[in-house]
Amino acid sequence: MGTTAPSPVVRIVTAAGYALLAAFGAIQVGGVPSSVEGWVALAGTVVVTFWGKFSSSRTVIAPNFNG
């Protein structure tokens, strides 16, 4: 009784959703960037969030996860 790994497309879409939400959260806290450094920081937030969620072993939460 285990779960199968989610497909790569599902993992990409889920990770992109988390990255988008992280970008909106960063904008809510600090406002829309007005400098190059601000945009680089926002892009870094998106990239780090995407990669962190994409590489997670629990990208899609399954109700019967046995891990």
PDB file of N, CA and C in Angstrom:
ATOM      1  N   MET A   1       0.810  -1.181   0.000  1.00  0.00           N
ATOM      2  CA  MET A   1       0.000   0.000   0.000  1.00  0.00           C
ATOM      3  C   MET A   1       0.855   1.246   0.000  1.00  0.00           C
ATOM      4  N   GLY A   2       1.460   1.556  -1.090  1.00  0.00           N
ATOM      5  CA  GLY A   2       2.229   2.787  -1.213  1.00  0.00           C
ATOM      6  C   GLY A   2       1.603   3.682  -2.252  1.00  0.00           C
ATOM      7  N   THR A   3       2.211   4.802  -2.434  1.00  0.00           N
ATOM      8  CA  THR A   3       1.726   5.717  -3.470  1.00  0.00           C
ATOM      9  C   THR A   3       2.736   5.731  -4.602  1.00  0.00           C
ATOM     10  N   THR A   4       2.249   6.030  -5.775  1.00  0.00           N
ATOM     11  CA  THR A   4       3.157   6.166  -6.902  1.00  0.00           C
ATOM     12  C   THR A   4       3.632   7.605  -6.972  1.00  0.00           C
ATOM     13  N   ALA A   5       4.785   7.781  -7.540  1.00  0.00           N
ATOM     14  CA  ALA A   5       5.341   9.130  -7.683  1.00  0.00           C
ATOM     15  C   ALA A   5       4.505   9.914  -8.683  1.00  0.00           C
ATOM     16  N   PRO A   6       4.280  11.204  -8.414  1.00  0.00           N
ATOM     17  CA  PRO A   6       3.507  12.011  -9.358  1.00  0.00           C
ATOM     18  C   PRO A   6       4.269  12.190 -10.669  1.00  0.00           C
ATOM     19  N   SER A   7       3.541  12.386 -11.744  1.00  0.00           N
ATOM     20  CA  SER A   7       4.183  12.560 -13.043  1.00  0.00           C
ATOM     21  C   SER A   7       4.996  13.856 -13.050  1.00  0.00           C
ATOM     22  N   PRO A   8       5.992  13.942 -13.930  1.00  0.00           N
ATOM     23  CA  PRO A   8       6.796  15.168 -14.005  1.00  0.00           C
ATOM     24  C   PRO A   8       5.961  16.413 -14.314  1.00  0.00           C
ATOM     25  N   VAL A   9       4.924  16.275 -15.122  1.00  0.00           N
ATOM     26  CA  VAL A   9       4.086  17.432 -15.456  1.00  0.00           C
ATOM     27  C   VAL A   9       3.371  17.938 -14.210  1.00  0.00           C
ATOM     28  N   VAL A  10       2.855  17.025 -13.401  1.00  0.00           N
ATOM     29  CA  VAL A  10       2.169  17.410 -12.170  1.00  0.00           C
ATOM     30  C   VAL A  10       3.153  18.085 -11.222  1.00  0.00           C
ATOM     31  N   ARG A  11       4.358  17.562 -11.126  1.00  0.00           N
ATOM     32  CA  ARG A  11       5.376  18.163 -10.264  1.00  0.00           C
ATOM     33  C   ARG A  11       5.744  19.564 -10.731  1.00  0.00           C
ATOM     34  N   ILE A  12       5.880  19.757 -12.047  1.00  0.00           N
ATOM     35  CA  ILE A  12       6.234  21.070 -12.589  1.00  0.00           C
ATOM     36  C   ILE A  12       5.117  22.082 -12.329  1.00  0.00           C
ATOM     37  N   VAL A  13       3.883  21.678 -12.596  1.00  0.00           N
ATOM     38  CA  VAL A  13       2.750  22.590 -12.393  1.00  0.00           C
ATOM     39  C   VAL A  13       2.619  22.952 -10.912  1.00  0.00           C
ATOM     40  N   THR A  14       2.759  21.972 -10.032  1.00  0.00           N
ATOM     41  CA  THR A  14       2.661  22.227  -8.601  1.00  0.00           C
ATOM     42  C   THR A  14       3.774  23.162  -8.141  1.00  0.00           C
ATOM     43  N   ALA A  15       4.997  22.898  -8.571  1.00  0.00           N
ATOM     44  CA  ALA A  15       6.129  23.741  -8.187  1.00  0.00           C
ATOM     45  C   ALA A  15       5.977  25.156  -8.734  1.00  0.00           C
ATOM     46  N   ALA A  16       5.468  25.283  -9.964  1.00  0.00           N
ATOM     47  CA  ALA A  16       5.249  26.613 -10.546  1.00  0.00           C
ATOM     48  C   ALA A  16       4.176  27.372  -9.762  1.00  0.00           C
ATOM     49  N   GLY A  17       3.156  26.674  -9.316  1.00  0.00           N
ATOM     50  CA  GLY A  17       2.127  27.309  -8.497  1.00  0.00           C
ATOM     51  C   GLY A  17       2.695  27.840  -7.191  1.00  0.00           C
ATOM     52  N   TYR A  18       3.513  27.046  -6.535  1.00  0.00           N
ATOM     53  CA  TYR A  18       4.150  27.496  -5.296  1.00  0.00           C
ATOM     54  C   TYR A  18       5.066  28.694  -5.562  1.00  0.00           C
ATOM     55  N   ALA A  19       5.818  28.662  -6.660  1.00  0.00           N
ATOM     56  CA  ALA A  19       6.718  29.768  -6.994  1.00  0.00           C
ATOM     57  C   ALA A  19       5.936  31.046  -7.260  1.00  0.00           C
ATOM     58  N   LEU A  20       4.809  30.931  -7.946  1.00  0.00           N
ATOM     59  CA  LEU A  20       3.968  32.095  -8.220  1.00  0.00           C
ATOM     60  C   LEU A  20       3.411  32.679  -6.916  1.00  0.00           C
ATOM     61  N   LEU A  21       2.960  31.811  -6.032  1.00  0.00           N
ATOM     62  CA  LEU A  21       2.455  32.284  -4.742  1.00  0.00           C
ATOM     63  C   LEU A  21       3.563  32.936  -3.913  1.00  0.00           C
ATOM     64  N   ALA A  22       4.771  32.407  -3.982  1.00  0.00           N
ATOM     65  CA  ALA A  22       5.895  33.018  -3.264  1.00  0.00           C
ATOM     66  C   ALA A  22       6.197  34.404  -3.830  1.00  0.00           C
ATOM     67  N   ALA A  23       6.120  34.548  -5.148  1.00  0.00           N
ATOM     68  CA  ALA A  23       6.355  35.858  -5.769  1.00  0.00           C
ATOM     69  C   ALA A  23       5.291  36.857  -5.326  1.00  0.00           C
ATOM     70  N   PHE A  24       4.029  36.451  -5.316  1.00  0.00           N
ATOM     71  CA  PHE A  24       2.964  37.342  -4.849  1.00  0.00           C
ATOM     72  C   PHE A  24       3.167  37.712  -3.386  1.00  0.00           C
ATOM     73  N   GLY A  25       3.585  36.755  -2.583  1.00  0.00           N
ATOM     74  CA  GLY A  25       3.848  37.043  -1.171  1.00  0.00           C
ATOM     75  C   GLY A  25       4.978  38.036  -0.993  1.00  0.00           C
ATOM     76  N   ALA A  26       6.036  37.869  -1.764  1.00  0.00           N
ATOM     77  CA  ALA A  26       7.168  38.796  -1.675  1.00  0.00           C
ATOM     78  C   ALA A  26       6.759  40.203  -2.108  1.00  0.00           C
ATOM     79  N   ILE A  27       5.927  40.290  -3.132  1.00  0.00           N
ATOM     80  CA  ILE A  27       5.461  41.597  -3.590  1.00  0.00           C
ATOM     81  C   ILE A  27       4.546  42.231  -2.541  1.00  0.00           C
ATOM     82  N   GLN A  28       3.730  41.428  -1.885  1.00  0.00           N
ATOM     83  CA  GLN A  28       2.858  41.953  -0.835  1.00  0.00           C
ATOM     84  C   GLN A  28       3.664  42.534   0.321  1.00  0.00           C
ATOM     85  N   VAL A  29       4.762  41.911   0.651  1.00  0.00           N
ATOM     86  CA  VAL A  29       5.585  42.372   1.772  1.00  0.00           C
ATOM     87  C   VAL A  29       6.414  43.597   1.387  1.00  0.00           C
ATOM     88  N   GLY A  30       7.072  43.533   0.238  1.00  0.00           N
ATOM     89  CA  GLY A  30       8.017  44.591  -0.120  1.00  0.00           C
ATOM     90  C   GLY A  30       7.602  45.507  -1.236  1.00  0.00           C
ATOM     91  N   GLY A  31       6.469  45.248  -1.863  1.00  0.00           N
ATOM     92  CA  GLY A  31       6.034  46.064  -2.985  1.00  0.00           C
ATOM     93  C   GLY A  31       6.686  45.600  -4.291  1.00  0.00           C
ATOM     94  N   VAL A  32       6.231  46.172  -5.373  1.00  0.00           N
ATOM     95  CA  VAL A  32       6.791  45.833  -6.681  1.00  0.00           C
ATOM     96  C   VAL A  32       8.213  46.386  -6.752  1.00  0.00           C
ATOM     97  N   PRO A  33       9.172  45.561  -7.168  1.00  0.00           N
ATOM     98  CA  PRO A  33      10.552  46.034  -7.228  1.00  0.00           C
ATOM     99  C   PRO A  33      10.706  47.236  -8.156  1.00  0.00           C
ATOM    100  N   SER A  34      11.587  48.151  -7.760  1.00  0.00           N
ATOM    101  CA  SER A  34      11.826  49.329  -8.592  1.00  0.00           C
ATOM    102  C   SER A  34      13.288  49.437  -9.010  1.00  0.00           C
ATOM    103  N   SER A  35      14.086  48.444  -8.649  1.00  0.00           N
ATOM    104  CA  SER A  35      15.497  48.463  -9.018  1.00  0.00           C
ATOM    105  C   SER A  35      15.883  47.097  -9.579  1.00  0.00           C
ATOM    106  N   VAL A  36      17.033  47.072 -10.210  1.00  0.00           N
ATOM    107  CA  VAL A  36      17.532  45.805 -10.761  1.00  0.00           C
ATOM    108  C   VAL A  36      17.733  44.795  -9.639  1.00  0.00           C
ATOM    109  N   GLU A  37      18.267  45.249  -8.522  1.00  0.00           N
ATOM    110  CA  GLU A  37      18.510  44.349  -7.392  1.00  0.00           C
ATOM    111  C   GLU A  37      17.202  43.759  -6.867  1.00  0.00           C
ATOM    112  N   GLY A  38      16.162  44.571  -6.843  1.00  0.00           N
ATOM    113  CA  GLY A  38      14.853  44.087  -6.398  1.00  0.00           C
ATOM    114  C   GLY A  38      14.297  43.020  -7.313  1.00  0.00           C
ATOM    115  N   TRP A  39      14.431  43.236  -8.632  1.00  0.00           N
ATOM    116  CA  TRP A  39      13.943  42.235  -9.583  1.00  0.00           C
ATOM    117  C   TRP A  39      14.757  40.950  -9.506  1.00  0.00           C
ATOM    118  N   VAL A  40      16.065  41.083  -9.301  1.00  0.00           N
ATOM    119  CA  VAL A  40      16.910  39.893  -9.164  1.00  0.00           C
ATOM    120  C   VAL A  40      16.509  39.113  -7.910  1.00  0.00           C
ATOM    121  N   ALA A  41      16.223  39.829  -6.828  1.00  0.00           N
ATOM    122  CA  ALA A  41      15.799  39.170  -5.596  1.00  0.00           C
ATOM    123  C   ALA A  41      14.459  38.467  -5.791  1.00  0.00           C
ATOM    124  N   LEU A  42      13.527  39.097  -6.497  1.00  0.00           N
ATOM    125  CA  LEU A  42      12.237  38.466  -6.759  1.00  0.00           C
ATOM    126  C   LEU A  42      12.399  37.231  -7.637  1.00  0.00           C
ATOM    127  N   ALA A  43      13.233  37.334  -8.661  1.00  0.00           N
ATOM    128  CA  ALA A  43      13.498  36.178  -9.521  1.00  0.00           C
ATOM    129  C   ALA A  43      14.161  35.056  -8.718  1.00  0.00           C
ATOM    130  N   GLY A  44      15.064  35.414  -7.825  1.00  0.00           N
ATOM    131  CA  GLY A  44      15.700  34.412  -6.974  1.00  0.00           C
ATOM    132  C   GLY A  44      14.694  33.718  -6.072  1.00  0.00           C
ATOM    133  N   THR A  45      13.738  34.470  -5.555  1.00  0.00           N
ATOM    134  CA  THR A  45      12.680  33.885  -4.731  1.00  0.00           C
ATOM    135  C   THR A  45      11.882  32.861  -5.528  1.00  0.00           C
ATOM    136  N   VAL A  46      11.544  33.220  -6.748  1.00  0.00           N
ATOM    137  CA  VAL A  46      10.772  32.315  -7.607  1.00  0.00           C
ATOM    138  C   VAL A  46      11.579  31.053  -7.924  1.00  0.00           C
ATOM    139  N   VAL A  47      12.828  31.220  -8.294  1.00  0.00           N
ATOM    140  CA  VAL A  47      13.662  30.071  -8.671  1.00  0.00           C
ATOM    141  C   VAL A  47      13.890  29.136  -7.478  1.00  0.00           C
ATOM    142  N   VAL A  48      14.220  29.704  -6.338  1.00  0.00           N
ATOM    143  CA  VAL A  48      14.493  28.873  -5.161  1.00  0.00           C
ATOM    144  C   VAL A  48      13.224  28.138  -4.717  1.00  0.00           C
ATOM    145  N   THR A  49      12.095  28.829  -4.741  1.00  0.00           N
ATOM    146  CA  THR A  49      10.836  28.181  -4.359  1.00  0.00           C
ATOM    147  C   THR A  49      10.469  27.076  -5.340  1.00  0.00           C
ATOM    148  N   PHE A  50      10.599  27.358  -6.640  1.00  0.00           N
ATOM    149  CA  PHE A  50      10.290  26.344  -7.652  1.00  0.00           C
ATOM    150  C   PHE A  50      11.165  25.116  -7.462  1.00  0.00           C
ATOM    151  N   TRP A  51      12.459  25.319  -7.356  1.00  0.00           N
ATOM    152  CA  TRP A  51      13.360  24.178  -7.265  1.00  0.00           C
ATOM    153  C   TRP A  51      13.166  23.413  -5.958  1.00  0.00           C
ATOM    154  N   GLY A  52      12.938  24.142  -4.875  1.00  0.00           N
ATOM    155  CA  GLY A  52      12.724  23.476  -3.594  1.00  0.00           C
ATOM    156  C   GLY A  52      11.483  22.608  -3.608  1.00  0.00           C
ATOM    157  N   LYS A  53      10.420  23.076  -4.232  1.00  0.00           N
ATOM    158  CA  LYS A  53       9.188  22.288  -4.295  1.00  0.00           C
ATOM    159  C   LYS A  53       9.298  21.189  -5.335  1.00  0.00           C
ATOM    160  N   PHE A  54       9.919  21.469  -6.465  1.00  0.00           N
ATOM    161  CA  PHE A  54      10.047  20.467  -7.523  1.00  0.00           C
ATOM    162  C   PHE A  54      10.890  19.288  -7.068  1.00  0.00           C
ATOM    163  N   SER A  55      11.942  19.561  -6.322  1.00  0.00           N
ATOM    164  CA  SER A  55      12.837  18.483  -5.905  1.00  0.00           C
ATOM    165  C   SER A  55      12.359  17.773  -4.646  1.00  0.00           C
ATOM    166  N   SER A  56      11.275  18.255  -4.042  1.00  0.00           N
ATOM    167  CA  SER A  56      10.738  17.635  -2.834  1.00  0.00           C
ATOM    168  C   SER A  56      10.152  16.267  -3.152  1.00  0.00           C
ATOM    169  N   SER A  57      10.298  15.352  -2.225  1.00  0.00           N
ATOM    170  CA  SER A  57       9.723  14.025  -2.429  1.00  0.00           C
ATOM    171  C   SER A  57       8.226  14.020  -2.153  1.00  0.00           C
ATOM    172  N   ARG A  58       7.698  15.100  -1.599  1.00  0.00           N
ATOM    173  CA  ARG A  58       6.269  15.171  -1.283  1.00  0.00           C
ATOM    174  C   ARG A  58       5.611  16.330  -2.031  1.00  0.00           C
ATOM    175  N   THR A  59       5.889  16.437  -3.333  1.00  0.00           N
ATOM    176  CA  THR A  59       5.362  17.545  -4.118  1.00  0.00           C
ATOM    177  C   THR A  59       3.840  17.547  -4.115  1.00  0.00           C
ATOM    178  N   VAL A  60       3.240  16.397  -4.265  1.00  0.00           N
ATOM    179  CA  VAL A  60       1.788  16.281  -4.223  1.00  0.00           C
ATOM    180  C   VAL A  60       1.454  15.453  -2.994  1.00  0.00           C
ATOM    181  N   ILE A  61       0.688  16.016  -2.109  1.00  0.00           N
ATOM    182  CA  ILE A  61       0.377  15.332  -0.865  1.00  0.00           C
ATOM    183  C   ILE A  61      -0.678  14.274  -1.120  1.00  0.00           C
ATOM    184  N   ALA A  62      -0.352  13.049  -0.812  1.00  0.00           N
ATOM    185  CA  ALA A  62      -1.285  11.952  -0.954  1.00  0.00           C
ATOM    186  C   ALA A  62      -1.858  11.599   0.411  1.00  0.00           C
ATOM    187  N   PRO A  63      -3.139  11.356   0.495  1.00  0.00           N
ATOM    188  CA  PRO A  63      -3.734  11.079   1.789  1.00  0.00           C
ATOM    189  C   PRO A  63      -3.203   9.811   2.439  1.00  0.00           C
ATOM    190  N   ASN A  64      -2.681   8.908   1.665  1.00  0.00           N
ATOM    191  CA  ASN A  64      -2.191   7.654   2.244  1.00  0.00           C
ATOM    192  C   ASN A  64      -0.664   7.543   2.106  1.00  0.00           C
ATOM    193  N   PHE A  65       0.027   8.644   2.250  1.00  0.00           N
ATOM    194  CA  PHE A  65       1.489   8.645   2.123  1.00  0.00           C
ATOM    195  C   PHE A  65       2.095   7.797   3.236  1.00  0.00           C
ATOM    196  N   ASN A  66       2.924   6.841   2.851  1.00  0.00           N
ATOM    197  CA  ASN A  66       3.523   5.919   3.834  1.00  0.00           C
ATOM    198  C   ASN A  66       5.002   6.184   4.010  1.00  0.00           C
ATOM    199  N   GLY A  67       5.396   7.416   4.102  1.00  0.00           N
ATOM    200  CA  GLY A  67       6.806   7.688   4.128  1.00  0.00           C
ATOM    201  C   GLY A  67       7.311   8.184   5.378  1.00  0.00           C
TER     202      GLY A  67
END
